[in-house]
């Protein structure tokens, strides 16, 4: 986890516990919260650290609502982005 995370975060990563997934991880110098506001708004875990969301090698992204097609497409882009590192 640490190597890809270091590419996306501008602070000391360590084990991901002090890195907030939506606020600290960035894409093109923009936080995921800003890059994917539709997903952030309905996320159960807006204050979660990376280590809270990346569990046993899998991303645990949970949302308060069912995802419509547009949000599903955004989630695919988000997953592709974080999995590419």
N, C-alpha and C. Protein backbone atom coordinates (compact mmCIF):
# COMPACT_ATOMS: atom_id res chain seq x y z
N UNK A 1 0.82 -1.19 0.00
CA UNK A 1 0.00 0.00 0.00
C UNK A 1 0.86 1.25 0.00
N UNK A 2 1.95 1.26 0.68
CA UNK A 2 2.69 2.48 0.91
C UNK A 2 3.25 3.11 -0.37
N UNK A 3 3.76 2.32 -1.30
CA UNK A 3 4.39 2.89 -2.49
C UNK A 3 3.41 3.69 -3.33
N UNK A 4 2.24 3.14 -3.65
CA UNK A 4 1.28 3.89 -4.46
C UNK A 4 0.77 5.10 -3.71
N UNK A 5 0.61 4.95 -2.39
CA UNK A 5 0.08 6.04 -1.58
C UNK A 5 1.05 7.22 -1.54
N UNK A 6 2.32 6.93 -1.49
CA UNK A 6 3.32 7.99 -1.47
C UNK A 6 3.25 8.84 -2.74
N UNK A 7 2.83 8.23 -3.85
CA UNK A 7 2.71 8.97 -5.10
C UNK A 7 1.51 9.92 -5.09
N UNK A 8 0.51 9.61 -4.27
CA UNK A 8 -0.73 10.37 -4.27
C UNK A 8 -0.91 11.30 -3.08
N UNK A 9 0.01 11.26 -2.13
CA UNK A 9 -0.14 12.04 -0.91
C UNK A 9 1.11 12.87 -0.69
N UNK A 10 0.91 14.10 -0.25
CA UNK A 10 2.05 14.99 -0.03
C UNK A 10 2.41 15.09 1.45
N UNK A 11 2.26 14.01 2.21
CA UNK A 11 2.69 14.00 3.60
C UNK A 11 3.21 12.61 3.93
N UNK A 12 3.79 12.47 5.11
CA UNK A 12 4.36 11.19 5.53
C UNK A 12 3.26 10.13 5.61
N UNK A 13 3.43 9.06 4.88
CA UNK A 13 2.38 8.06 4.74
C UNK A 13 2.37 7.03 5.87
N UNK A 14 3.51 6.45 6.16
CA UNK A 14 3.65 5.36 7.12
C UNK A 14 2.69 4.22 6.82
N UNK A 15 1.74 3.93 7.71
CA UNK A 15 0.84 2.79 7.50
C UNK A 15 -0.55 3.21 7.01
N UNK A 16 -0.73 4.46 6.67
CA UNK A 16 -2.01 4.93 6.15
C UNK A 16 -3.00 5.37 7.20
N UNK A 17 -2.67 5.20 8.49
CA UNK A 17 -3.60 5.56 9.55
C UNK A 17 -3.77 7.07 9.69
N UNK A 18 -2.75 7.83 9.34
CA UNK A 18 -2.83 9.28 9.48
C UNK A 18 -3.15 9.99 8.17
N UNK A 19 -3.49 9.21 7.14
CA UNK A 19 -3.81 9.77 5.84
C UNK A 19 -5.30 9.57 5.58
N UNK A 20 -6.01 10.67 5.44
CA UNK A 20 -7.44 10.59 5.18
C UNK A 20 -7.68 10.30 3.70
N UNK A 21 -8.47 9.26 3.44
CA UNK A 21 -8.70 8.82 2.07
C UNK A 21 -9.27 9.94 1.19
N UNK A 22 -10.34 10.55 1.62
CA UNK A 22 -11.01 11.55 0.78
C UNK A 22 -10.32 12.91 0.79
N UNK A 23 -9.60 13.23 1.85
CA UNK A 23 -9.04 14.58 1.99
C UNK A 23 -7.56 14.68 1.64
N UNK A 24 -6.78 13.63 1.89
CA UNK A 24 -5.33 13.69 1.70
C UNK A 24 -4.86 13.05 0.40
N UNK A 25 -5.56 12.03 -0.08
CA UNK A 25 -5.16 11.37 -1.32
C UNK A 25 -5.58 12.28 -2.47
N UNK A 26 -4.66 12.49 -3.40
CA UNK A 26 -4.97 13.43 -4.48
C UNK A 26 -4.78 12.83 -5.86
N UNK A 27 -5.46 13.43 -6.79
CA UNK A 27 -5.37 13.07 -8.20
C UNK A 27 -5.18 14.37 -8.96
N UNK A 28 -4.09 14.51 -9.64
CA UNK A 28 -3.78 15.77 -10.34
C UNK A 28 -3.76 16.94 -9.37
N UNK A 29 -3.19 16.71 -8.19
CA UNK A 29 -3.06 17.75 -7.15
C UNK A 29 -4.40 18.21 -6.57
N UNK A 30 -5.44 17.42 -6.76
CA UNK A 30 -6.77 17.72 -6.23
C UNK A 30 -7.20 16.55 -5.35
N UNK A 31 -7.74 16.83 -4.17
CA UNK A 31 -8.15 15.75 -3.27
C UNK A 31 -9.27 14.92 -3.91
N UNK A 32 -9.38 13.67 -3.47
CA UNK A 32 -10.45 12.81 -3.98
C UNK A 32 -11.81 13.40 -3.64
N UNK A 33 -11.90 14.08 -2.52
CA UNK A 33 -13.14 14.75 -2.12
C UNK A 33 -13.58 15.75 -3.18
N UNK A 34 -12.65 16.47 -3.74
CA UNK A 34 -12.94 17.48 -4.77
C UNK A 34 -13.10 16.83 -6.14
N UNK A 35 -12.27 15.85 -6.42
CA UNK A 35 -12.30 15.17 -7.73
C UNK A 35 -13.57 14.34 -7.91
N UNK A 36 -14.07 13.75 -6.82
CA UNK A 36 -15.25 12.88 -6.88
C UNK A 36 -16.30 13.32 -5.86
N UNK A 37 -16.82 14.54 -5.97
CA UNK A 37 -17.75 15.05 -4.95
C UNK A 37 -19.04 14.25 -4.85
N UNK A 38 -19.48 13.66 -5.97
CA UNK A 38 -20.72 12.88 -5.96
C UNK A 38 -20.58 11.64 -5.06
N UNK A 39 -19.40 11.06 -5.05
CA UNK A 39 -19.16 9.89 -4.21
C UNK A 39 -18.87 10.29 -2.77
N UNK A 40 -18.10 11.34 -2.60
CA UNK A 40 -17.79 11.82 -1.25
C UNK A 40 -19.06 12.17 -0.48
N UNK A 41 -19.98 12.85 -1.12
CA UNK A 41 -21.21 13.30 -0.47
C UNK A 41 -22.03 12.15 0.10
N UNK A 42 -21.99 11.00 -0.54
CA UNK A 42 -22.81 9.88 -0.07
C UNK A 42 -21.99 8.78 0.61
N UNK A 43 -20.72 9.04 0.81
CA UNK A 43 -19.85 8.06 1.47
C UNK A 43 -20.21 7.94 2.95
N UNK A 44 -20.26 6.72 3.44
CA UNK A 44 -20.46 6.50 4.87
C UNK A 44 -19.24 6.97 5.67
N UNK A 45 -18.09 6.91 5.06
CA UNK A 45 -16.84 7.11 5.80
C UNK A 45 -16.06 8.31 5.28
N UNK A 46 -16.61 9.49 5.42
CA UNK A 46 -15.97 10.70 4.91
C UNK A 46 -14.70 11.05 5.66
N UNK A 47 -14.58 10.63 6.89
CA UNK A 47 -13.39 10.93 7.70
C UNK A 47 -12.44 9.74 7.83
N UNK A 48 -12.64 8.73 7.02
CA UNK A 48 -11.85 7.50 7.15
C UNK A 48 -10.42 7.69 6.67
N UNK A 49 -9.52 7.00 7.33
CA UNK A 49 -8.13 6.96 6.88
C UNK A 49 -8.01 5.93 5.76
N UNK A 50 -6.90 5.97 5.07
CA UNK A 50 -6.66 4.99 4.02
C UNK A 50 -6.66 3.58 4.62
N UNK A 51 -6.07 3.41 5.79
CA UNK A 51 -6.03 2.08 6.40
C UNK A 51 -7.42 1.60 6.82
N UNK A 52 -8.36 2.51 7.04
CA UNK A 52 -9.75 2.12 7.34
C UNK A 52 -10.45 1.59 6.10
N UNK A 53 -10.10 2.13 4.95
CA UNK A 53 -10.79 1.79 3.71
C UNK A 53 -10.09 0.67 2.95
N UNK A 54 -8.77 0.58 3.07
CA UNK A 54 -8.01 -0.47 2.40
C UNK A 54 -7.80 -1.61 3.39
N UNK A 55 -8.67 -2.62 3.31
CA UNK A 55 -8.69 -3.70 4.30
C UNK A 55 -8.38 -5.03 3.61
N UNK A 56 -7.34 -5.69 4.09
CA UNK A 56 -6.93 -7.00 3.58
C UNK A 56 -6.79 -7.00 2.06
N UNK A 57 -6.18 -5.93 1.54
CA UNK A 57 -5.91 -5.85 0.11
C UNK A 57 -7.08 -5.44 -0.75
N UNK A 58 -8.18 -5.02 -0.13
CA UNK A 58 -9.36 -4.62 -0.90
C UNK A 58 -9.86 -3.27 -0.43
N UNK A 59 -10.41 -2.50 -1.37
CA UNK A 59 -11.00 -1.21 -1.05
C UNK A 59 -12.43 -1.41 -0.56
N UNK A 60 -12.72 -0.90 0.61
CA UNK A 60 -14.06 -1.00 1.21
C UNK A 60 -14.73 0.36 1.15
N UNK A 61 -15.26 0.70 0.00
CA UNK A 61 -15.95 1.97 -0.19
C UNK A 61 -17.44 1.72 -0.06
N UNK A 62 -18.05 2.28 0.97
CA UNK A 62 -19.47 2.07 1.25
C UNK A 62 -20.21 3.39 1.13
N UNK A 63 -21.43 3.31 0.59
CA UNK A 63 -22.20 4.51 0.35
C UNK A 63 -23.59 4.42 0.97
N UNK A 64 -24.15 5.56 1.31
CA UNK A 64 -25.46 5.64 1.96
C UNK A 64 -26.61 5.38 1.01
N UNK A 65 -26.37 5.45 -0.26
CA UNK A 65 -27.41 5.24 -1.27
C UNK A 65 -26.91 4.27 -2.32
N UNK A 66 -27.87 3.70 -3.05
CA UNK A 66 -27.50 2.92 -4.23
C UNK A 66 -26.92 3.89 -5.26
N UNK A 67 -25.96 3.42 -6.01
CA UNK A 67 -25.32 4.27 -7.00
C UNK A 67 -26.07 4.24 -8.32
N UNK A 68 -26.44 5.42 -8.82
CA UNK A 68 -27.03 5.49 -10.15
C UNK A 68 -25.91 5.26 -11.17
N UNK A 69 -26.24 5.23 -12.44
CA UNK A 69 -25.24 4.92 -13.46
C UNK A 69 -24.09 5.92 -13.46
N UNK A 70 -24.40 7.18 -13.30
CA UNK A 70 -23.35 8.21 -13.29
C UNK A 70 -22.38 7.99 -12.13
N UNK A 71 -22.91 7.69 -10.96
CA UNK A 71 -22.04 7.45 -9.80
C UNK A 71 -21.28 6.15 -9.94
N UNK A 72 -21.90 5.14 -10.54
CA UNK A 72 -21.18 3.89 -10.78
C UNK A 72 -20.00 4.13 -11.71
N UNK A 73 -20.22 4.96 -12.72
CA UNK A 73 -19.13 5.29 -13.65
C UNK A 73 -18.01 6.03 -12.92
N UNK A 74 -18.37 6.95 -12.03
CA UNK A 74 -17.36 7.69 -11.24
C UNK A 74 -16.59 6.73 -10.34
N UNK A 75 -17.30 5.77 -9.73
CA UNK A 75 -16.64 4.80 -8.87
C UNK A 75 -15.65 3.94 -9.66
N UNK A 76 -16.02 3.58 -10.87
CA UNK A 76 -15.11 2.81 -11.73
C UNK A 76 -13.84 3.61 -12.00
N UNK A 77 -13.99 4.89 -12.31
CA UNK A 77 -12.84 5.74 -12.56
C UNK A 77 -11.98 5.86 -11.31
N UNK A 78 -12.61 6.05 -10.15
CA UNK A 78 -11.88 6.15 -8.89
C UNK A 78 -11.11 4.86 -8.62
N UNK A 79 -11.76 3.73 -8.75
CA UNK A 79 -11.09 2.44 -8.50
C UNK A 79 -9.94 2.21 -9.49
N UNK A 80 -10.15 2.56 -10.74
CA UNK A 80 -9.07 2.41 -11.72
C UNK A 80 -7.88 3.29 -11.35
N UNK A 81 -8.17 4.49 -10.90
CA UNK A 81 -7.11 5.42 -10.54
C UNK A 81 -6.31 4.89 -9.35
N UNK A 82 -6.98 4.48 -8.27
CA UNK A 82 -6.25 4.03 -7.09
C UNK A 82 -5.60 2.67 -7.30
N UNK A 83 -6.17 1.85 -8.17
CA UNK A 83 -5.59 0.54 -8.45
C UNK A 83 -4.42 0.62 -9.43
N UNK A 84 -4.31 1.72 -10.16
CA UNK A 84 -3.23 1.85 -11.13
C UNK A 84 -1.89 2.13 -10.47
N UNK A 85 -1.90 2.49 -9.20
CA UNK A 85 -0.67 2.75 -8.49
C UNK A 85 -0.28 1.52 -7.74
